[in-house]
Protein backbone atom coordinates (compact mmCIF):
# COMPACT_ATOMS: atom_id res chain seq x y z
CA MET A 1 34.77 -57.15 -18.86
CA VAL A 2 31.62 -55.43 -17.52
CA SER A 3 30.28 -56.77 -14.23
CA GLY A 4 26.71 -58.08 -14.04
CA GLY A 5 25.53 -55.29 -11.71
CA LEU A 6 26.92 -52.57 -13.94
CA ARG A 7 25.45 -54.26 -17.03
CA TYR A 8 21.98 -54.38 -15.48
CA GLY A 9 22.36 -50.72 -14.41
CA TRP A 10 23.01 -49.63 -17.98
CA ILE A 11 20.04 -51.69 -19.14
CA ALA A 12 17.77 -50.01 -16.55
CA LEU A 13 18.98 -46.55 -17.58
CA GLY A 14 18.38 -47.40 -21.23
CA VAL A 15 14.81 -48.51 -20.45
CA ALA A 16 14.14 -45.28 -18.48
CA LEU A 17 15.49 -43.09 -21.29
CA ALA A 18 13.47 -45.04 -23.80
CA GLY A 19 10.36 -44.40 -21.71
CA VAL A 20 11.04 -40.66 -21.54
CA TRP A 21 11.76 -40.55 -25.26
CA GLY A 22 8.54 -42.45 -25.86
CA VAL A 23 6.54 -39.85 -23.94
CA TRP A 24 8.12 -37.00 -25.90
CA ALA A 25 7.74 -38.92 -29.12
CA GLN A 26 3.99 -39.10 -28.49
CA LYS A 27 3.66 -35.32 -28.30
CA PRO A 28 2.37 -33.85 -31.55
CA ALA A 29 4.41 -31.19 -33.31
CA ALA A 30 1.47 -28.78 -33.00
CA LEU A 31 2.00 -28.74 -29.22
CA ALA A 32 5.59 -27.47 -29.33
CA PRO A 33 4.83 -23.77 -30.03
CA TYR A 34 2.40 -23.65 -27.09
CA GLU A 35 4.96 -25.19 -24.75
CA GLN A 36 7.61 -22.75 -25.92
CA VAL A 37 5.37 -19.74 -25.31
CA TYR A 38 4.40 -21.07 -21.87
CA ALA A 39 8.06 -21.59 -20.93
CA ALA A 40 9.06 -18.15 -22.23
CA GLU A 41 6.28 -16.43 -20.27
CA LEU A 42 7.23 -18.33 -17.13
CA LYS A 43 10.77 -17.02 -17.50
CA LYS A 44 9.48 -13.45 -17.82
CA ILE A 45 7.56 -13.86 -14.57
CA ALA A 46 10.60 -15.23 -12.72
CA ASP A 47 12.94 -12.55 -14.12
CA GLY A 48 10.45 -9.80 -13.30
CA TYR A 49 10.13 -11.03 -9.73
CA ASN A 50 13.89 -11.18 -9.24
CA GLU A 51 14.30 -7.66 -10.59
CA THR A 52 11.94 -6.20 -7.96
CA LEU A 53 13.78 -7.55 -4.91
CA PRO A 54 16.90 -5.32 -4.90
CA ALA A 55 14.76 -2.17 -4.76
CA LEU A 56 12.77 -3.59 -1.83
CA ALA A 57 15.97 -4.18 0.13
CA GLY A 58 17.29 -0.70 -0.59
CA ASP A 59 14.01 0.96 0.33
CA TYR A 60 13.89 -0.96 3.61
CA VAL A 61 17.37 0.14 4.64
CA LEU A 62 16.49 3.75 3.78
CA ALA A 63 13.24 3.45 5.76
CA LEU A 64 15.21 2.18 8.77
CA ARG A 65 17.65 5.06 8.36
CA ASP A 66 14.74 7.52 8.27
CA ALA A 67 13.12 5.92 11.33
CA MET A 68 16.42 6.15 13.23
CA ALA A 69 16.76 9.85 12.38
CA ARG A 70 13.17 10.62 13.37
CA LEU A 71 13.46 8.77 16.67
CA LYS A 72 16.75 10.45 17.48
CA LYS A 73 15.24 13.86 16.71
CA ALA A 74 12.33 13.04 19.01
CA GLY A 75 14.79 12.21 21.81
CA ASP A 76 14.11 8.47 21.72
CA GLU A 77 17.69 7.23 21.85
CA ALA A 78 16.65 3.66 22.71
CA GLY A 79 14.30 3.58 19.70
CA ALA A 80 17.01 4.97 17.42
CA ALA A 81 19.41 2.29 18.66
CA ALA A 82 16.77 -0.39 17.97
CA ALA A 83 16.42 0.84 14.38
CA LYS A 84 20.21 0.75 13.96
CA ARG A 85 20.34 -2.82 15.32
CA GLU A 86 17.60 -3.90 12.93
CA ALA A 87 19.54 -2.50 9.96
CA ALA A 88 22.63 -4.47 11.01
CA ARG A 89 20.59 -7.64 11.63
CA TYR A 90 18.85 -7.32 8.25
CA LEU A 91 22.06 -6.84 6.26
CA ALA A 92 23.59 -9.87 8.00
CA ALA A 93 20.47 -11.96 7.31
CA LEU A 94 20.69 -11.20 3.59
CA LYS A 95 24.12 -12.86 3.54
CA ALA A 96 23.03 -15.96 5.51
CA GLU A 97 21.52 -19.19 4.18
CA PRO A 98 17.74 -18.68 3.81
CA ASP A 99 15.19 -21.03 5.32
CA PRO A 100 13.29 -22.46 2.28
CA PHE A 101 10.11 -22.83 4.34
CA GLU A 102 9.87 -19.13 5.27
CA THR A 103 8.13 -16.60 3.02
CA VAL A 104 10.32 -13.75 4.27
CA PRO A 105 13.41 -15.52 5.67
CA GLU A 106 15.36 -12.29 6.12
CA LEU A 107 12.72 -10.84 8.47
CA LEU A 108 10.93 -13.46 10.54
CA LYS A 109 8.01 -12.59 12.81
CA GLU A 110 10.17 -13.04 15.91
CA SER A 111 12.41 -10.23 14.66
CA VAL A 112 9.52 -7.73 14.58
CA VAL A 113 9.75 -5.38 17.57
CA LYS A 114 6.85 -4.26 19.74
CA LYS A 115 8.27 -0.81 20.40
CA PRO A 116 8.87 1.78 19.09
CA ASP A 117 5.77 1.84 16.90
CA ILE A 118 7.59 3.60 14.07
CA LEU A 119 10.12 0.78 13.75
CA ARG A 120 7.45 -1.90 14.03
CA LEU A 121 5.42 -0.31 11.23
CA VAL A 122 8.50 -0.11 8.99
CA GLN A 123 9.12 -3.83 9.58
CA GLU A 124 5.48 -4.78 8.99
CA ASP A 125 5.40 -2.69 5.83
CA TYR A 126 8.46 -4.53 4.49
CA ILE A 127 6.96 -7.95 5.28
CA GLY A 128 3.76 -6.91 3.56
CA ARG A 129 5.58 -5.71 0.45
CA ARG A 130 7.74 -8.84 0.24
CA THR A 131 4.76 -11.14 0.71
CA ALA A 132 2.74 -9.20 -1.85
CA LYS A 133 5.51 -9.58 -4.45
CA GLU A 134 5.51 -13.36 -4.03
CA LEU A 135 1.72 -13.56 -4.09
CA LEU A 136 1.59 -11.49 -7.28
CA ARG A 137 4.26 -13.72 -8.84
CA ASN A 138 2.29 -16.86 -7.95
CA GLU A 139 -0.93 -15.31 -9.22
CA ALA A 140 0.78 -14.49 -12.52
CA VAL A 141 1.94 -18.12 -12.85
CA VAL A 142 -1.58 -19.44 -12.18
CA THR A 143 -3.10 -16.98 -14.65
CA LEU A 144 -0.56 -18.04 -17.29
CA ALA A 145 -1.26 -21.73 -16.62
CA LYS A 146 -5.00 -21.20 -17.02
CA LYS A 147 -4.42 -19.46 -20.32
CA TYR A 148 -2.10 -22.29 -21.39
CA VAL A 149 -4.73 -24.91 -20.54
CA ALA A 150 -7.44 -22.96 -22.39
CA ASN A 151 -5.22 -22.82 -25.49
CA LEU A 152 -4.49 -26.54 -25.22
CA ASP A 153 -8.21 -27.31 -25.11
CA LYS A 154 -8.74 -25.21 -28.24
CA LEU A 155 -5.85 -26.98 -29.97
CA ALA A 156 -7.25 -30.40 -29.03
CA ALA A 157 -10.63 -29.46 -30.50
CA GLN A 158 -8.98 -28.28 -33.72
CA LEU A 159 -6.95 -31.49 -34.05
CA ALA A 160 -10.02 -33.62 -33.39
CA GLY A 161 -11.96 -31.65 -35.99
CA ALA A 162 -9.20 -32.35 -38.49
CA GLY A 163 -9.42 -36.08 -37.81
CA LYS A 164 -6.13 -36.25 -35.89
CA GLU A 165 -7.55 -38.15 -32.93
CA SER A 166 -4.26 -39.50 -31.55
CA GLU A 167 -2.67 -36.05 -31.57
CA ALA A 168 -5.80 -34.51 -30.01
CA GLU A 169 -5.70 -37.10 -27.22
CA ALA A 170 -2.03 -36.30 -26.52
CA VAL A 171 -2.87 -32.61 -26.18
CA LYS A 172 -5.82 -33.44 -23.91
CA LYS A 173 -3.47 -35.52 -21.76
CA GLU A 174 -1.17 -32.54 -21.33
CA SER A 175 -4.15 -30.34 -20.45
CA ARG A 176 -5.35 -32.82 -17.82
CA ARG A 177 -1.83 -33.05 -16.36
CA MET A 178 -1.70 -29.28 -15.98
CA GLN A 179 -5.16 -29.11 -14.41
CA VAL A 180 -4.23 -31.74 -11.82
CA ALA A 181 -0.97 -29.96 -11.04
CA MET A 182 -2.78 -26.62 -10.62
CA GLN A 183 -4.86 -28.05 -7.77
CA ARG A 184 -1.80 -28.03 -5.49
CA ASN A 185 -1.35 -25.01 -3.23
CA ASP A 186 2.33 -24.83 -4.18
CA PHE A 187 1.68 -25.14 -7.91
CA ALA A 188 3.35 -21.84 -8.82
CA ALA A 189 6.61 -22.67 -7.04
CA ARG A 190 6.63 -26.19 -8.50
CA ALA A 191 5.94 -24.90 -12.02
CA LEU A 192 8.85 -22.45 -11.85
CA LYS A 193 11.17 -25.11 -10.43
CA ALA A 194 10.13 -27.66 -13.05
CA ALA A 195 10.98 -25.11 -15.74
CA GLY A 196 14.48 -24.77 -14.27
CA LEU A 197 13.84 -21.16 -13.24
CA ASN A 198 15.47 -19.72 -10.14
CA CYS A 199 13.45 -17.24 -8.07
CA LEU A 200 15.59 -15.53 -5.47
CA PRO A 201 14.64 -16.59 -1.92
CA MET A 202 15.86 -13.21 -0.61
CA PRO A 203 16.98 -9.88 -2.05
CA PRO A 204 20.71 -9.46 -2.62
CA PRO A 205 22.49 -7.13 -0.14
CA PRO A 206 21.98 -3.53 -1.31
CA ASP A 207 24.80 -1.27 -2.45
CA LEU A 208 25.20 0.97 0.62
CA SER A 209 27.19 3.62 -1.24
CA ALA A 210 24.38 3.92 -3.79
CA LEU A 211 21.85 4.22 -0.96
CA LYS A 212 23.83 7.06 0.59
CA ALA A 213 23.75 8.88 -2.74
CA LYS A 214 20.01 8.27 -3.04
CA ALA A 215 19.39 9.55 0.48
CA ALA A 216 21.34 12.72 -0.34
CA GLU A 217 19.18 13.50 -3.37
CA PRO A 218 16.98 16.60 -3.00
CA VAL A 219 13.40 15.97 -1.97
CA LYS A 220 11.11 15.88 -4.97
CA LYS A 221 8.04 18.05 -4.87
CA THR A 222 4.77 16.10 -4.82
CA GLN A 223 2.23 16.92 -7.49
CA ASP A 224 -1.48 17.09 -6.77
CA LEU A 225 -3.21 13.81 -7.49
CA ASP A 226 -6.02 13.40 -9.97
CA GLY A 227 -8.20 10.67 -11.47
CA ALA A 228 -5.47 9.45 -13.82
CA THR A 229 -3.00 9.17 -10.97
CA LEU A 230 -5.54 7.20 -8.95
CA LEU A 231 -5.71 4.55 -11.64
CA THR A 232 -2.01 4.37 -12.44
CA GLU A 233 0.08 5.24 -9.40
CA LEU A 234 -1.78 4.82 -6.12
CA PRO A 235 -1.28 1.53 -4.26
CA PRO A 236 -4.06 -1.03 -4.95
CA THR A 237 -5.08 -1.07 -1.27
CA ILE A 238 -5.52 2.72 -1.33
CA GLN A 239 -7.54 2.51 -4.55
CA ALA A 240 -9.85 -0.06 -2.97
CA PHE A 241 -10.24 2.08 0.17
CA LEU A 242 -11.07 5.22 -1.79
CA MET A 243 -13.60 3.50 -4.05
CA LYS A 244 -15.40 1.34 -1.46
CA PRO A 245 -19.02 2.60 -1.25
CA MET A 246 -20.27 4.17 1.96
CA GLU A 247 -22.44 1.91 4.08
CA VAL A 248 -25.57 3.85 5.07
CA ASP A 249 -29.15 2.94 5.83
CA PRO A 250 -31.18 4.34 2.90
CA GLU A 251 -34.28 4.62 5.11
CA TRP A 252 -32.41 6.50 7.86
CA PRO A 253 -29.57 8.30 6.06
CA PRO A 254 -27.00 9.98 8.36
CA GLU A 255 -26.49 13.73 8.44
CA ILE A 256 -23.27 13.54 6.42
CA THR A 257 -25.28 12.52 3.35
CA LYS A 258 -26.57 16.11 3.29
CA TRP A 259 -23.06 17.44 2.79
CA ALA A 260 -21.91 18.60 -0.66
CA PHE A 261 -18.31 18.16 -1.76
CA GLU A 262 -16.67 21.52 -2.43
CA GLY A 263 -13.13 20.59 -3.48
CA LYS A 264 -9.58 20.23 -2.22
CA GLY A 265 -6.73 22.64 -1.68
CA ASN A 266 -3.66 23.74 0.21
CA TYR A 267 -4.01 23.99 3.96
CA ALA A 268 -1.97 25.60 6.74
CA HIS A 269 -2.81 24.61 10.28
CA ASP A 270 -1.07 27.56 11.95
CA PHE A 271 -3.90 29.96 11.18
CA SER A 272 -6.40 27.43 9.78
CA LEU A 273 -5.89 28.77 6.28
CA TYR A 274 -7.60 26.79 3.54
CA GLY A 275 -7.53 27.34 -0.21
CA LYS A 276 -5.86 30.74 -0.05
CA GLY A 277 -3.54 31.93 -2.76
CA GLY A 278 0.05 31.97 -1.61
CA ILE A 279 -0.12 29.03 0.79
CA PRO A 280 2.88 26.77 0.05
CA ASN A 281 1.95 23.85 -2.17
CA GLU A 282 3.09 20.81 -0.15
CA LEU A 283 1.90 17.19 -0.47
CA GLY A 284 -0.69 15.77 -2.86
CA ILE A 285 -4.30 14.81 -2.23
CA TYR A 286 -6.94 12.70 -3.93
CA ALA A 287 -10.51 13.03 -2.65
CA ASN A 288 -13.51 10.90 -3.62
CA PRO A 289 -16.72 12.93 -3.13
CA LYS A 290 -18.98 9.87 -3.31
CA THR A 291 -17.29 7.91 -0.54
CA MET A 292 -16.15 10.91 1.56
CA ARG A 293 -12.61 9.51 1.65
CA ALA A 294 -9.29 11.06 0.74
CA TYR A 295 -5.61 10.15 0.49
CA VAL A 296 -2.78 12.56 1.30
CA THR A 297 0.79 11.70 0.37
CA GLY A 298 4.16 13.27 -0.31
CA THR A 299 7.30 14.57 1.35
CA ILE A 300 7.56 17.91 3.11
CA THR A 301 10.10 19.98 1.17
CA GLY A 302 10.07 23.42 2.78
CA SER A 303 11.36 24.71 6.08
CA ASN A 304 10.86 28.49 6.03
CA ARG A 305 7.41 29.37 4.75
CA ASN A 306 5.80 32.78 4.74
CA TYR A 307 2.22 33.79 4.06
CA GLN A 308 1.40 37.50 4.07
CA GLY A 309 4.12 38.19 6.58
CA LYS A 310 3.23 35.23 8.79
CA GLN A 311 5.53 32.25 9.41
CA LEU A 312 3.83 28.95 8.59
CA GLU A 313 5.14 25.80 10.25
CA TRP A 314 2.42 23.25 9.48
CA VAL A 315 1.30 22.88 5.87
CA GLY A 316 -0.36 20.21 3.76
CA LYS A 317 -3.58 19.40 1.97
CA ALA A 318 -7.27 19.23 2.87
CA ALA A 319 -10.67 18.48 1.37
CA ALA A 320 -13.79 20.57 1.98
CA TRP A 321 -17.54 20.00 2.16
CA LYS A 322 -20.47 22.44 2.34
CA LEU A 323 -23.41 22.16 4.73
CA GLU A 324 -26.59 24.18 4.30
CA ASP A 325 -27.48 23.86 7.98
CA SER A 326 -25.07 23.65 10.91
CA ARG A 327 -27.30 21.00 12.53
CA ALA A 328 -26.06 18.52 9.90
CA LEU A 329 -22.59 18.73 11.44
CA VAL A 330 -22.25 15.46 13.34
CA CYS A 331 -19.55 13.02 12.31
CA ARG A 332 -16.31 11.26 13.03
CA VAL A 333 -13.26 11.95 10.90
CA ILE A 334 -10.89 8.97 10.88
CA PHE A 335 -7.26 9.48 9.91
CA ARG A 336 -4.98 6.48 9.31
CA THR A 337 -1.27 6.29 8.54
CA ARG A 338 1.53 3.75 8.32
CA LYS A 339 4.06 6.47 9.12
CA PRO A 340 2.93 7.93 12.46
CA SER A 341 4.37 11.00 14.11
CA THR A 342 7.13 10.78 16.70
CA GLY A 343 5.29 13.36 18.83
CA GLU A 344 3.49 16.70 18.77
CA THR A 345 6.46 18.48 17.21
CA ALA A 346 6.53 16.30 14.09
CA GLY A 347 4.10 15.36 11.35
CA PRO A 348 1.82 14.02 10.22
CA ALA A 349 -0.98 15.81 12.07
CA ALA A 350 -4.74 15.45 11.57
CA CYS A 351 -6.75 18.65 11.16
CA VAL A 352 -10.38 19.68 11.07
CA ALA A 353 -11.71 23.22 10.71
CA VAL A 354 -15.19 24.72 10.43
CA TYR A 355 -15.89 27.97 8.59
CA ASN A 356 -19.00 30.10 8.32
CA LEU A 357 -19.66 30.41 4.60
CA MET A 358 -20.77 33.97 5.24
CA ASP A 359 -17.29 34.72 6.65
CA LYS A 360 -14.78 32.59 4.75
CA GLU A 361 -11.68 34.23 6.12
CA ASN A 362 -11.82 33.13 9.73
CA PRO A 363 -12.71 29.68 11.06
CA ILE A 364 -15.37 29.23 13.71
CA ALA A 365 -13.58 26.21 15.13
CA SER A 366 -10.56 24.01 14.52
CA LEU A 367 -8.56 21.23 16.15
CA THR A 368 -5.29 19.53 15.27
CA ALA A 369 -4.03 16.23 16.66
CA PRO A 370 -0.62 14.63 16.09
CA MET A 371 -0.99 11.25 14.41
CA VAL A 372 1.13 9.37 16.94
CA LYS A 373 -0.73 6.11 16.28
CA GLU A 374 -1.90 4.26 13.19
CA GLU A 375 -5.41 5.65 13.70
CA THR A 376 -6.52 9.07 14.93
CA VAL A 377 -10.21 9.92 15.34
CA LEU A 378 -11.71 13.39 15.66
CA TYR A 379 -15.38 13.72 16.65
CA MET A 380 -17.46 16.77 15.68
CA ALA A 381 -21.07 17.51 16.59
CA LYS A 382 -23.25 20.61 16.54
CA HIS A 383 -25.92 20.05 19.18
CA TYR A 384 -29.31 19.91 17.48
CA SER A 385 -30.99 22.21 20.01
CA TYR A 386 -28.21 24.31 21.53
CA ASN A 387 -25.78 26.72 19.93
CA ARG A 388 -22.91 24.45 20.83
CA LEU A 389 -20.30 22.73 18.67
CA ASN A 390 -17.92 20.25 20.27
CA ILE A 391 -14.77 18.87 18.66
CA LYS A 392 -13.05 16.06 20.51
CA TRP A 393 -9.89 14.08 19.92
CA GLU A 394 -10.93 10.59 20.89
CA GLY A 395 -8.51 8.69 23.07
CA SER A 396 -7.26 11.88 24.74
CA LYS A 397 -8.52 14.65 26.98
CA ARG A 398 -8.36 17.24 24.21
CA LYS A 399 -11.81 18.71 23.66
CA ARG A 400 -12.99 22.13 22.57
CA GLY A 401 -16.38 23.82 22.56
CA PHE A 402 -17.54 26.59 20.25
CA THR A 403 -20.64 28.71 19.84
CA ILE A 404 -22.44 28.26 16.55
CA PRO A 405 -26.08 29.15 15.70
CA ASP A 406 -28.58 26.82 14.03
CA HIS A 407 -29.17 27.05 10.27
CA THR A 408 -25.71 28.52 9.68
CA PRO A 409 -24.25 27.41 6.31
CA LEU A 410 -20.83 25.90 6.90
CA ARG A 411 -17.71 24.64 5.25
CA VAL A 412 -16.07 21.64 6.94
CA VAL A 413 -12.41 21.01 6.14
CA ALA A 414 -10.46 17.84 6.94
CA GLY A 415 -6.79 17.57 6.12
CA VAL A 416 -3.30 16.35 6.94
CA VAL A 417 -0.27 18.59 7.49
CA GLY A 418 3.45 18.09 7.97
CA HIS A 419 6.04 20.13 9.79
CA GLN A 420 9.67 19.17 9.27
CA ARG A 421 11.55 19.04 5.99
CA GLY A 422 11.91 15.46 4.76
CA GLU A 423 8.83 14.10 6.54
CA GLU A 424 7.16 11.42 4.42
CA ILE A 425 3.40 11.69 4.71
CA THR A 426 0.98 8.93 3.72
CA ALA A 427 -2.44 9.13 5.31
CA THR A 428 -6.09 8.45 4.56
CA ILE A 429 -9.08 10.50 5.65
CA GLU A 430 -12.56 9.08 6.09
CA ILE A 431 -15.72 10.87 7.23
CA VAL A 432 -18.20 8.49 8.85
CA PRO A 433 -21.61 8.90 10.55
CA ALA A 434 -21.84 9.63 14.26
CA ASP A 435 -24.58 10.31 16.76
CA GLN A 436 -25.25 13.09 19.23
CA ASN A 437 -25.10 10.50 22.00
CA ASP A 438 -21.60 9.39 20.92
CA GLU A 439 -20.09 12.36 22.70
């Protein structure tokens, strides 16, 4: 005999199921294909997101390994030990229970170190990449939902036009439900969860043996970049940086607007050699003549380099501009990198050189500064009245003066070089206006 409480429970469940069935029964058959496509596309987004996480974890461990090696080579034993501790902490965190309220539960802000800078930048880069993956996933869900709603609205109009008012109203109801749901900040996560899709809260622990094999692979030579590469391979943030228009006053244009882009080429800091045949082809460079910005990237592959009997230790890429009059030489050259140097004996290093176009072999002036921070600024100015050119590394006491006459046609070269085999170089170059009084 069934008790009264149990009997009423079964009755309540039957009413609830009848209500759910009633809702589904009201949905027109024409809506089913749209729902199926929406669900299938949601699954693609979730699967695609999950597939990207293992590579992120592996790359982070390799980046920590590289940071540890660089710090140890620079004599920073405490920094190398900090990188080793972070690798152990990270691998342990991947096996722990994630906090569902944290975007990057395996690397919280309190785990980011202040020093050494190299380790901090590696951590910040990982957080940025992880956050970007989730943001892109959520953006893809929202874009899909908008497309789904637009198709529902079209379907409702078609059904209404065919005289199927009840079916059209059911489709409109689904469209309104989606639009209300999309107003929530956590819509993407809720949509994936409602579809029964599981997005990994953290990457799975990487295969350390596979990482060792990857680390042992020979360094691949970097090809020169071109317009096609800019559109297909460069990071979106770099693309935006390179394409952002220069901000100048059209009524009072700065001197750098008189410069003419000449090109890009191989560069060796040791003897300030630019564009010469036989200079080792290391790194890749993309330069935008209109914005006076460039991007240098790649991994140093060589160790013993010879040029016409001379040993070259610092090689890379540079971009060049022509000036009709030396008095137009007044600017700042800003170099930025997320992989700074461990000191003056390691890359990357920022370089500027000035050549007399009447004597292309030998530079009039040059200066190189190790990029030990995220930003390195070199100031150059030919005094408008005196035969004096000053090049200064801002933030340091390094400053050099050179003699250079007025009206001399010049080539100005700005580039980035590396030194040690295996150094990963990623740096941007930007030429901006300056003033004689800035010195």
